[in-house]
């Protein structure tokens, strides 16, 4: 199963996986507005991979089959790092 991956220019670390390259028909309009203009990143063959770097490959495949797309959000910030940021904002 091949999929096309696009990066968001608006939201760093956010990626959109599509079942077919340049076929955004299944992606909700609100998501596309939030995502911004997609920038093509790469094509990958999910059947030749056992895992992906950040997301669960099984969830990606399932979402592509059921919905035609999958959104990868950036990982949440480290709790300790967030505590430092919060403290610095108060200074």
N, C-alpha and C. Protein backbone atom coordinates (compact mmCIF):
# COMPACT_ATOMS: atom_id res chain seq x y z
N UNK A 1 0.84 -1.17 0.00
CA UNK A 1 0.00 0.00 0.00
C UNK A 1 0.88 1.24 0.00
N UNK A 2 0.81 2.00 -1.08
CA UNK A 2 1.55 3.26 -1.17
C UNK A 2 0.73 4.38 -0.58
N UNK A 3 1.41 5.38 -0.06
CA UNK A 3 0.72 6.59 0.38
C UNK A 3 1.62 7.79 0.13
N UNK A 4 0.96 8.92 -0.04
CA UNK A 4 1.66 10.19 -0.25
C UNK A 4 1.65 10.96 1.06
N UNK A 5 2.78 11.57 1.39
CA UNK A 5 2.88 12.33 2.63
C UNK A 5 3.14 13.79 2.30
N UNK A 6 2.38 14.66 2.96
CA UNK A 6 2.50 16.11 2.77
C UNK A 6 2.79 16.76 4.11
N UNK A 7 3.61 17.80 4.10
CA UNK A 7 3.89 18.54 5.33
C UNK A 7 3.09 19.84 5.31
N UNK A 8 2.74 20.30 6.48
CA UNK A 8 2.01 21.55 6.63
C UNK A 8 2.99 22.71 6.71
N UNK A 9 2.71 23.75 5.97
CA UNK A 9 3.53 24.96 6.06
C UNK A 9 3.07 25.82 7.23
N UNK A 10 1.85 25.59 7.70
CA UNK A 10 1.28 26.38 8.80
C UNK A 10 1.63 25.82 10.17
N UNK A 11 1.67 24.49 10.27
CA UNK A 11 1.83 23.84 11.58
C UNK A 11 3.03 22.91 11.54
N UNK A 12 4.12 23.37 12.12
CA UNK A 12 5.36 22.58 12.12
C UNK A 12 5.14 21.21 12.74
N UNK A 13 5.68 20.19 12.10
CA UNK A 13 5.60 18.83 12.62
C UNK A 13 4.28 18.13 12.31
N UNK A 14 3.43 18.77 11.50
CA UNK A 14 2.15 18.18 11.14
C UNK A 14 2.22 17.67 9.71
N UNK A 15 1.79 16.42 9.53
CA UNK A 15 1.85 15.77 8.21
C UNK A 15 0.51 15.15 7.87
N UNK A 16 0.20 15.13 6.58
CA UNK A 16 -1.03 14.55 6.08
C UNK A 16 -0.66 13.40 5.16
N UNK A 17 -1.17 12.22 5.47
CA UNK A 17 -0.95 11.02 4.66
C UNK A 17 -2.20 10.82 3.80
N UNK A 18 -2.01 10.59 2.51
CA UNK A 18 -3.13 10.34 1.61
C UNK A 18 -2.99 8.98 0.96
N UNK A 19 -4.13 8.33 0.73
CA UNK A 19 -4.13 7.04 0.05
C UNK A 19 -3.69 7.19 -1.40
N UNK A 20 -3.97 8.35 -2.01
CA UNK A 20 -3.57 8.62 -3.39
C UNK A 20 -2.96 10.01 -3.47
N UNK A 21 -1.87 10.12 -4.22
CA UNK A 21 -1.17 11.40 -4.35
C UNK A 21 -2.11 12.46 -4.94
N UNK A 22 -2.10 13.62 -4.32
CA UNK A 22 -2.86 14.80 -4.75
C UNK A 22 -4.38 14.60 -4.74
N UNK A 23 -4.87 13.59 -4.03
CA UNK A 23 -6.31 13.38 -3.93
C UNK A 23 -6.78 13.80 -2.54
N UNK A 24 -7.19 15.06 -2.44
CA UNK A 24 -7.58 15.65 -1.16
C UNK A 24 -9.10 15.61 -0.94
N UNK A 25 -9.83 14.94 -1.82
CA UNK A 25 -11.30 14.91 -1.77
C UNK A 25 -11.84 14.41 -0.43
N UNK A 26 -11.18 13.45 0.19
CA UNK A 26 -11.67 12.84 1.43
C UNK A 26 -11.32 13.66 2.68
N UNK A 27 -10.44 14.64 2.53
CA UNK A 27 -9.99 15.43 3.68
C UNK A 27 -11.02 16.53 3.97
N UNK A 28 -11.52 16.61 5.19
CA UNK A 28 -12.50 17.65 5.52
C UNK A 28 -11.96 19.05 5.26
N UNK A 29 -12.84 19.93 4.81
CA UNK A 29 -12.44 21.30 4.48
C UNK A 29 -11.84 22.03 5.68
N UNK A 30 -12.41 21.82 6.86
CA UNK A 30 -11.89 22.48 8.07
C UNK A 30 -10.44 22.05 8.34
N UNK A 31 -10.15 20.77 8.11
CA UNK A 31 -8.79 20.28 8.30
C UNK A 31 -7.84 20.90 7.29
N UNK A 32 -8.28 20.97 6.04
CA UNK A 32 -7.43 21.57 5.01
C UNK A 32 -7.16 23.05 5.31
N UNK A 33 -8.17 23.76 5.81
CA UNK A 33 -7.97 25.18 6.16
C UNK A 33 -6.96 25.32 7.29
N UNK A 34 -7.05 24.44 8.27
CA UNK A 34 -6.12 24.47 9.40
C UNK A 34 -4.71 24.04 8.97
N UNK A 35 -4.65 23.05 8.09
CA UNK A 35 -3.37 22.49 7.63
C UNK A 35 -2.63 23.48 6.73
N UNK A 36 -3.37 24.22 5.93
CA UNK A 36 -2.75 25.15 4.99
C UNK A 36 -2.39 24.45 3.69
N UNK A 37 -1.66 25.15 2.85
CA UNK A 37 -1.25 24.61 1.55
C UNK A 37 -0.31 23.43 1.78
N UNK A 38 -0.72 22.21 1.37
CA UNK A 38 0.13 21.05 1.58
C UNK A 38 1.38 21.09 0.70
N UNK A 39 2.49 20.67 1.27
CA UNK A 39 3.74 20.59 0.52
C UNK A 39 4.13 19.12 0.42
N UNK A 40 4.20 18.59 -0.79
CA UNK A 40 4.52 17.18 -0.98
C UNK A 40 5.88 16.87 -0.37
N UNK A 41 5.94 15.79 0.42
CA UNK A 41 7.18 15.40 1.07
C UNK A 41 7.75 14.13 0.44
N UNK A 42 6.90 13.08 0.33
CA UNK A 42 7.41 11.82 -0.20
C UNK A 42 6.27 10.82 -0.42
N UNK A 43 6.60 9.77 -1.18
CA UNK A 43 5.74 8.60 -1.34
C UNK A 43 6.43 7.47 -0.58
N UNK A 44 5.65 6.67 0.13
CA UNK A 44 6.22 5.51 0.80
C UNK A 44 5.32 4.29 0.58
N UNK A 45 5.94 3.13 0.60
CA UNK A 45 5.22 1.87 0.50
C UNK A 45 5.08 1.32 1.92
N UNK A 46 3.90 1.42 2.47
CA UNK A 46 3.67 0.99 3.85
C UNK A 46 3.82 -0.52 4.01
N UNK A 47 3.63 -1.27 2.93
CA UNK A 47 3.75 -2.73 3.02
C UNK A 47 5.21 -3.17 3.18
N UNK A 48 6.14 -2.31 2.85
CA UNK A 48 7.56 -2.65 2.97
C UNK A 48 8.17 -2.13 4.27
N UNK A 49 7.34 -1.58 5.13
CA UNK A 49 7.82 -1.05 6.41
C UNK A 49 7.15 -1.79 7.56
N UNK A 50 7.91 -1.96 8.62
CA UNK A 50 7.34 -2.56 9.82
C UNK A 50 6.83 -1.50 10.77
N UNK A 51 7.44 -0.32 10.72
CA UNK A 51 7.01 0.77 11.59
C UNK A 51 7.37 2.10 10.94
N UNK A 52 6.79 3.15 11.50
CA UNK A 52 7.10 4.52 11.09
C UNK A 52 7.75 5.22 12.28
N UNK A 53 8.43 6.32 12.02
CA UNK A 53 9.21 7.00 13.05
C UNK A 53 8.35 7.51 14.21
N UNK A 54 7.20 8.11 13.91
CA UNK A 54 6.45 8.80 14.95
C UNK A 54 5.08 8.18 15.23
N UNK A 55 4.45 7.61 14.21
CA UNK A 55 3.08 7.10 14.36
C UNK A 55 3.01 5.60 14.17
N UNK A 56 1.93 5.02 14.65
CA UNK A 56 1.68 3.58 14.54
C UNK A 56 1.27 3.25 13.11
N UNK A 57 2.03 2.42 12.45
CA UNK A 57 1.78 2.11 11.04
C UNK A 57 0.42 1.42 10.84
N UNK A 58 -0.02 0.63 11.79
CA UNK A 58 -1.32 -0.03 11.70
C UNK A 58 -2.45 1.00 11.70
N UNK A 59 -2.34 2.01 12.54
CA UNK A 59 -3.35 3.08 12.59
C UNK A 59 -3.36 3.87 11.29
N UNK A 60 -2.19 4.11 10.73
CA UNK A 60 -2.10 4.84 9.46
C UNK A 60 -2.80 4.05 8.36
N UNK A 61 -2.47 2.77 8.24
CA UNK A 61 -3.08 1.93 7.20
C UNK A 61 -4.60 1.87 7.37
N UNK A 62 -5.05 1.69 8.59
CA UNK A 62 -6.49 1.59 8.86
C UNK A 62 -7.19 2.90 8.49
N UNK A 63 -6.61 4.02 8.87
CA UNK A 63 -7.21 5.32 8.56
C UNK A 63 -7.23 5.57 7.05
N UNK A 64 -6.16 5.20 6.37
CA UNK A 64 -6.12 5.38 4.91
C UNK A 64 -7.20 4.54 4.24
N UNK A 65 -7.42 3.32 4.71
CA UNK A 65 -8.42 2.45 4.11
C UNK A 65 -9.84 2.92 4.42
N UNK A 66 -10.07 3.40 5.64
CA UNK A 66 -11.41 3.78 6.07
C UNK A 66 -11.78 5.21 5.69
N UNK A 67 -10.81 6.13 5.80
CA UNK A 67 -11.11 7.54 5.60
C UNK A 67 -10.42 8.16 4.39
N UNK A 68 -9.37 7.52 3.90
CA UNK A 68 -8.63 8.05 2.76
C UNK A 68 -7.51 8.99 3.14
N UNK A 69 -7.34 9.24 4.46
CA UNK A 69 -6.27 10.13 4.91
C UNK A 69 -5.93 9.82 6.37
N UNK A 70 -4.78 10.34 6.80
CA UNK A 70 -4.34 10.24 8.20
C UNK A 70 -3.57 11.51 8.51
N UNK A 71 -3.77 12.08 9.69
CA UNK A 71 -3.05 13.29 10.11
C UNK A 71 -2.09 12.93 11.22
N UNK A 72 -0.83 13.29 11.02
CA UNK A 72 0.20 13.09 12.05
C UNK A 72 0.47 14.44 12.69
N UNK A 73 0.19 14.52 13.98
CA UNK A 73 0.44 15.75 14.73
C UNK A 73 1.80 15.67 15.41
N UNK A 74 2.39 16.82 15.71
CA UNK A 74 3.69 16.78 16.40
C UNK A 74 3.53 16.19 17.79
N UNK A 75 4.57 15.54 18.28
CA UNK A 75 4.48 14.97 19.64
C UNK A 75 4.30 16.09 20.66
N UNK A 76 3.64 15.78 21.78
CA UNK A 76 3.46 16.81 22.81
C UNK A 76 4.81 17.20 23.40
N UNK A 77 4.92 18.44 23.85
CA UNK A 77 6.20 18.86 24.43
C UNK A 77 6.49 18.09 25.72
N UNK A 78 7.74 17.92 25.98
CA UNK A 78 8.18 17.26 27.19
C UNK A 78 7.63 18.02 28.40
N UNK A 79 7.12 17.31 29.39
CA UNK A 79 6.51 17.92 30.57
C UNK A 79 7.50 18.84 31.29
N UNK A 80 8.73 18.40 31.45
CA UNK A 80 9.73 19.22 32.13
C UNK A 80 10.02 20.48 31.33
N UNK A 81 10.14 20.34 30.02
CA UNK A 81 10.39 21.49 29.16
C UNK A 81 9.22 22.46 29.24
N UNK A 82 8.00 21.94 29.25
CA UNK A 82 6.82 22.80 29.35
C UNK A 82 6.80 23.55 30.67
N UNK A 83 7.20 22.91 31.75
CA UNK A 83 7.24 23.57 33.06
C UNK A 83 8.23 24.74 33.04
N UNK A 84 9.37 24.55 32.39
CA UNK A 84 10.36 25.63 32.27
C UNK A 84 9.79 26.77 31.44
N UNK A 85 9.14 26.43 30.35
CA UNK A 85 8.54 27.47 29.50
C UNK A 85 7.49 28.26 30.28
N UNK A 86 6.67 27.56 31.02
CA UNK A 86 5.62 28.23 31.82
C UNK A 86 6.25 29.16 32.85
N UNK A 87 7.33 28.71 33.50
CA UNK A 87 8.00 29.55 34.50
C UNK A 87 8.60 30.79 33.83
N UNK A 88 9.22 30.60 32.67
CA UNK A 88 9.84 31.71 31.96
C UNK A 88 8.83 32.74 31.49
N UNK A 89 7.62 32.29 31.16
CA UNK A 89 6.57 33.21 30.72
C UNK A 89 6.14 34.12 31.86
N UNK A 90 6.28 33.64 33.10
CA UNK A 90 5.86 34.43 34.27
C UNK A 90 6.89 35.48 34.66
N UNK A 91 8.12 35.33 34.17
CA UNK A 91 9.18 36.27 34.54
C UNK A 91 9.02 37.60 33.87
